Amino acid sequence: MTTPISFSCTKKQGEWVELQFLARATGHGFTVSKPWGDSTPYDFVLECNRTYHRVQVKSTSIRSKGTYECIINNTVHGRRQYQPGAFDFYAIFVMPENMWYLIPAADVKHQTAVCMNPRNPKNRYIRYLEAWHLFREPLKENSAQVSGNTASPQNSERNDTSYVM
């Protein structure tokens, strides 16, 4: 376990965690793309062998009774922050442990938080601890990709109007 880094605001922490994700994913051999701006519900697109996955990056550093909790979907004005199918995976960085949980969004679609314990083999999310291999596979049958939300650039939402420069 390492000493947690302290940040003056959550925005700076989020930026730092995104850099950690970029470095780790690249180190695992993935091509990583970052959408320009903050208008997409995901932070990165990972590509491996023409398989694309949209990833929302989160982090946690608060530990209570051996468990780290991460809020993954707040309710804002009575509406969930992320709609089903908006991205394919949560990548949650447990900062003090320097570990990643890579959880398919479809597996936690009705939850607002996940509680992770990297030292408890019975924790329901332990199978997602450092599960980078999941990005090498197409999404499972119950995932957002089956409902038509593929993450490939050819199928992304866009306005097909001509652009003049």
Protein backbone atom coordinates (compact mmCIF):
# COMPACT_ATOMS: atom_id res chain seq x y z
CA MET A 1 0.00 0.00 0.00
CA THR A 2 1.27 3.49 -0.82
CA THR A 3 0.60 6.83 0.80
CA PRO A 4 -2.34 8.54 -0.93
CA ILE A 5 -1.62 11.67 -2.92
CA SER A 6 -3.55 14.71 -1.77
CA PHE A 7 -5.27 16.95 -4.33
CA SER A 8 -6.64 20.45 -3.88
CA CYS A 9 -9.80 19.57 -5.84
CA THR A 10 -11.53 16.54 -7.32
CA LYS A 11 -10.99 17.80 -10.89
CA LYS A 12 -7.20 17.61 -10.44
CA GLN A 13 -7.51 14.15 -8.90
CA GLY A 14 -9.61 13.01 -11.85
CA GLU A 15 -7.06 14.33 -14.34
CA TRP A 16 -4.24 12.55 -12.52
CA VAL A 17 -6.20 9.29 -12.38
CA GLU A 18 -6.91 9.52 -16.11
CA LEU A 19 -3.16 9.80 -16.72
CA GLN A 20 -2.62 6.69 -14.58
CA PHE A 21 -5.21 4.83 -16.66
CA LEU A 22 -3.63 5.97 -19.92
CA ALA A 23 -0.21 4.77 -18.78
CA ARG A 24 -1.45 1.41 -17.47
CA ALA A 25 -3.65 0.66 -20.50
CA THR A 26 -0.87 1.60 -22.91
CA GLY A 27 1.50 -0.60 -20.90
CA HIS A 28 -0.89 -3.51 -21.50
CA GLY A 29 -0.63 -2.93 -25.25
CA PHE A 30 -3.93 -1.18 -25.92
CA THR A 31 -4.40 1.72 -28.29
CA VAL A 32 -6.02 4.45 -26.21
CA SER A 33 -8.00 7.38 -27.61
CA LYS A 34 -9.32 10.35 -25.64
CA PRO A 35 -12.36 12.25 -26.91
CA TRP A 36 -11.76 15.96 -27.19
CA GLY A 37 -13.62 18.00 -24.58
CA ASP A 38 -15.95 16.88 -21.82
CA SER A 39 -19.13 16.23 -23.82
CA THR A 40 -19.00 12.41 -23.94
CA PRO A 41 -20.09 10.23 -21.01
CA TYR A 42 -16.86 8.23 -21.30
CA ASP A 43 -13.23 9.23 -20.81
CA PHE A 44 -11.39 6.88 -23.18
CA VAL A 45 -11.85 4.41 -26.01
CA LEU A 46 -9.62 1.35 -25.87
CA GLU A 47 -8.90 -0.64 -29.01
CA CYS A 48 -7.40 -4.07 -29.37
CA ASN A 49 -7.62 -6.16 -32.53
CA ARG A 50 -10.44 -3.99 -33.92
CA THR A 51 -12.48 -4.36 -30.73
CA TYR A 52 -13.44 -1.04 -29.14
CA HIS A 53 -14.57 -0.32 -25.58
CA ARG A 54 -15.72 3.00 -24.13
CA VAL A 55 -14.38 3.52 -20.61
CA GLN A 56 -15.50 5.80 -17.76
CA VAL A 57 -12.64 6.34 -15.28
CA LYS A 58 -13.30 6.73 -11.55
CA SER A 59 -11.19 6.61 -8.39
CA THR A 60 -11.43 6.08 -4.68
CA SER A 61 -9.07 6.45 -1.75
CA ILE A 62 -11.44 6.19 1.22
CA ARG A 63 -11.29 2.88 3.06
CA SER A 64 -13.78 1.76 5.67
CA LYS A 65 -13.50 -1.65 7.34
CA GLY A 66 -11.20 -2.91 4.60
CA THR A 67 -13.52 -1.85 1.78
CA TYR A 68 -13.13 0.97 -0.72
CA GLU A 69 -16.35 2.58 -1.91
CA CYS A 70 -16.66 4.39 -5.21
CA ILE A 71 -19.72 6.36 -6.30
CA ILE A 72 -20.28 5.41 -9.93
CA ASN A 73 -23.61 6.99 -10.82
CA ASN A 74 -24.91 9.98 -8.90
CA THR A 75 -28.45 11.21 -9.29
CA VAL A 76 -28.53 14.82 -10.47
CA HIS A 77 -31.90 16.60 -10.29
CA GLY A 78 -33.70 13.24 -10.08
CA ARG A 79 -31.93 11.84 -13.16
CA ARG A 80 -29.03 9.39 -13.26
CA GLN A 81 -25.76 10.94 -14.38
CA TYR A 82 -25.00 8.10 -16.82
CA GLN A 83 -27.68 6.45 -18.91
CA PRO A 84 -27.54 2.70 -19.70
CA GLY A 85 -25.43 2.03 -22.78
CA ALA A 86 -23.49 5.30 -22.49
CA PHE A 87 -20.20 3.38 -22.13
CA ASP A 88 -18.96 -0.18 -21.75
CA PHE A 89 -16.70 -0.27 -18.68
CA TYR A 90 -15.92 1.47 -15.45
CA ALA A 91 -12.21 1.62 -14.70
CA ILE A 92 -11.96 2.33 -10.97
CA PHE A 93 -8.56 3.16 -9.54
CA VAL A 94 -8.06 2.29 -5.87
CA MET A 95 -5.41 4.91 -5.23
CA PRO A 96 -3.81 3.66 -1.98
CA GLU A 97 -3.45 0.16 -3.45
CA ASN A 98 -2.38 1.24 -6.95
CA MET A 99 -4.90 -1.25 -8.35
CA TRP A 100 -7.57 -1.10 -11.05
CA TYR A 101 -11.01 -2.65 -11.07
CA LEU A 102 -12.28 -3.01 -14.65
CA ILE A 103 -16.01 -3.59 -14.34
CA PRO A 104 -18.42 -3.99 -17.27
CA ALA A 105 -21.03 -1.24 -16.99
CA ALA A 106 -23.81 -3.75 -17.68
CA ASP A 107 -22.88 -5.60 -14.47
CA VAL A 108 -23.52 -2.53 -12.26
CA LYS A 109 -26.15 -0.68 -14.29
CA HIS A 110 -28.62 -0.30 -11.39
CA GLN A 111 -26.06 0.66 -8.76
CA THR A 112 -24.91 4.07 -7.58
CA ALA A 113 -21.78 2.75 -5.83
CA VAL A 114 -19.49 -0.27 -5.70
CA CYS A 115 -17.60 -1.54 -2.66
CA MET A 116 -14.28 -3.21 -3.43
CA ASN A 117 -11.91 -5.13 -1.19
CA PRO A 118 -8.77 -6.30 -2.99
CA ARG A 119 -7.80 -8.50 -0.03
CA ASN A 120 -11.07 -10.41 0.21
CA PRO A 121 -11.36 -13.24 -2.33
CA LYS A 122 -15.12 -13.39 -1.64
CA ASN A 123 -15.73 -9.76 -2.59
CA ARG A 124 -18.18 -9.70 -5.51
CA TYR A 125 -15.87 -7.50 -7.63
CA ILE A 126 -12.63 -9.43 -7.07
CA ARG A 127 -12.94 -11.01 -10.55
CA TYR A 128 -12.57 -7.53 -12.04
CA LEU A 129 -9.38 -6.68 -10.16
CA GLU A 130 -6.71 -5.93 -12.80
CA ALA A 131 -8.93 -7.70 -15.38
CA TRP A 132 -7.27 -6.08 -18.40
CA HIS A 133 -8.01 -9.22 -20.46
CA LEU A 134 -11.67 -8.11 -20.64
CA PHE A 135 -10.66 -5.34 -23.06
CA ARG A 136 -9.29 -7.93 -25.48
CA GLU A 137 -12.72 -9.56 -25.85
CA PRO A 138 -15.98 -8.42 -27.47
CA LEU A 139 -18.67 -7.45 -25.00
CA LYS A 140 -20.86 -10.24 -23.62
CA GLU A 141 -24.46 -10.82 -24.74
CA ASN A 142 -25.98 -8.76 -21.92
CA SER A 143 -23.85 -5.71 -22.61
CA ALA A 144 -24.55 -2.37 -24.23
CA GLN A 145 -22.95 -3.49 -27.49
CA VAL A 146 -25.76 -5.95 -28.20
CA SER A 147 -28.39 -3.23 -27.88
CA GLY A 148 -26.80 -1.37 -30.77
CA ASN A 149 -24.39 0.81 -28.83
CA THR A 150 -21.13 -0.39 -30.28
CA ALA A 151 -18.05 1.53 -29.42
CA SER A 152 -16.50 1.44 -32.86
CA PRO A 153 -15.86 4.83 -34.42
CA GLN A 154 -18.02 3.88 -37.41
CA ASN A 155 -21.10 3.52 -35.16
CA SER A 156 -20.63 6.47 -32.84
CA GLU A 157 -23.29 9.14 -32.61
CA ARG A 158 -22.51 12.03 -34.88
CA ASN A 159 -24.16 14.64 -36.98
CA ASP A 160 -23.65 13.72 -40.65
CA THR A 161 -23.85 17.30 -41.86
CA SER A 162 -21.01 18.68 -43.93
CA TYR A 163 -18.48 20.82 -42.14
CA VAL A 164 -17.02 23.90 -43.81
CA MET A 165 -13.79 25.38 -42.62
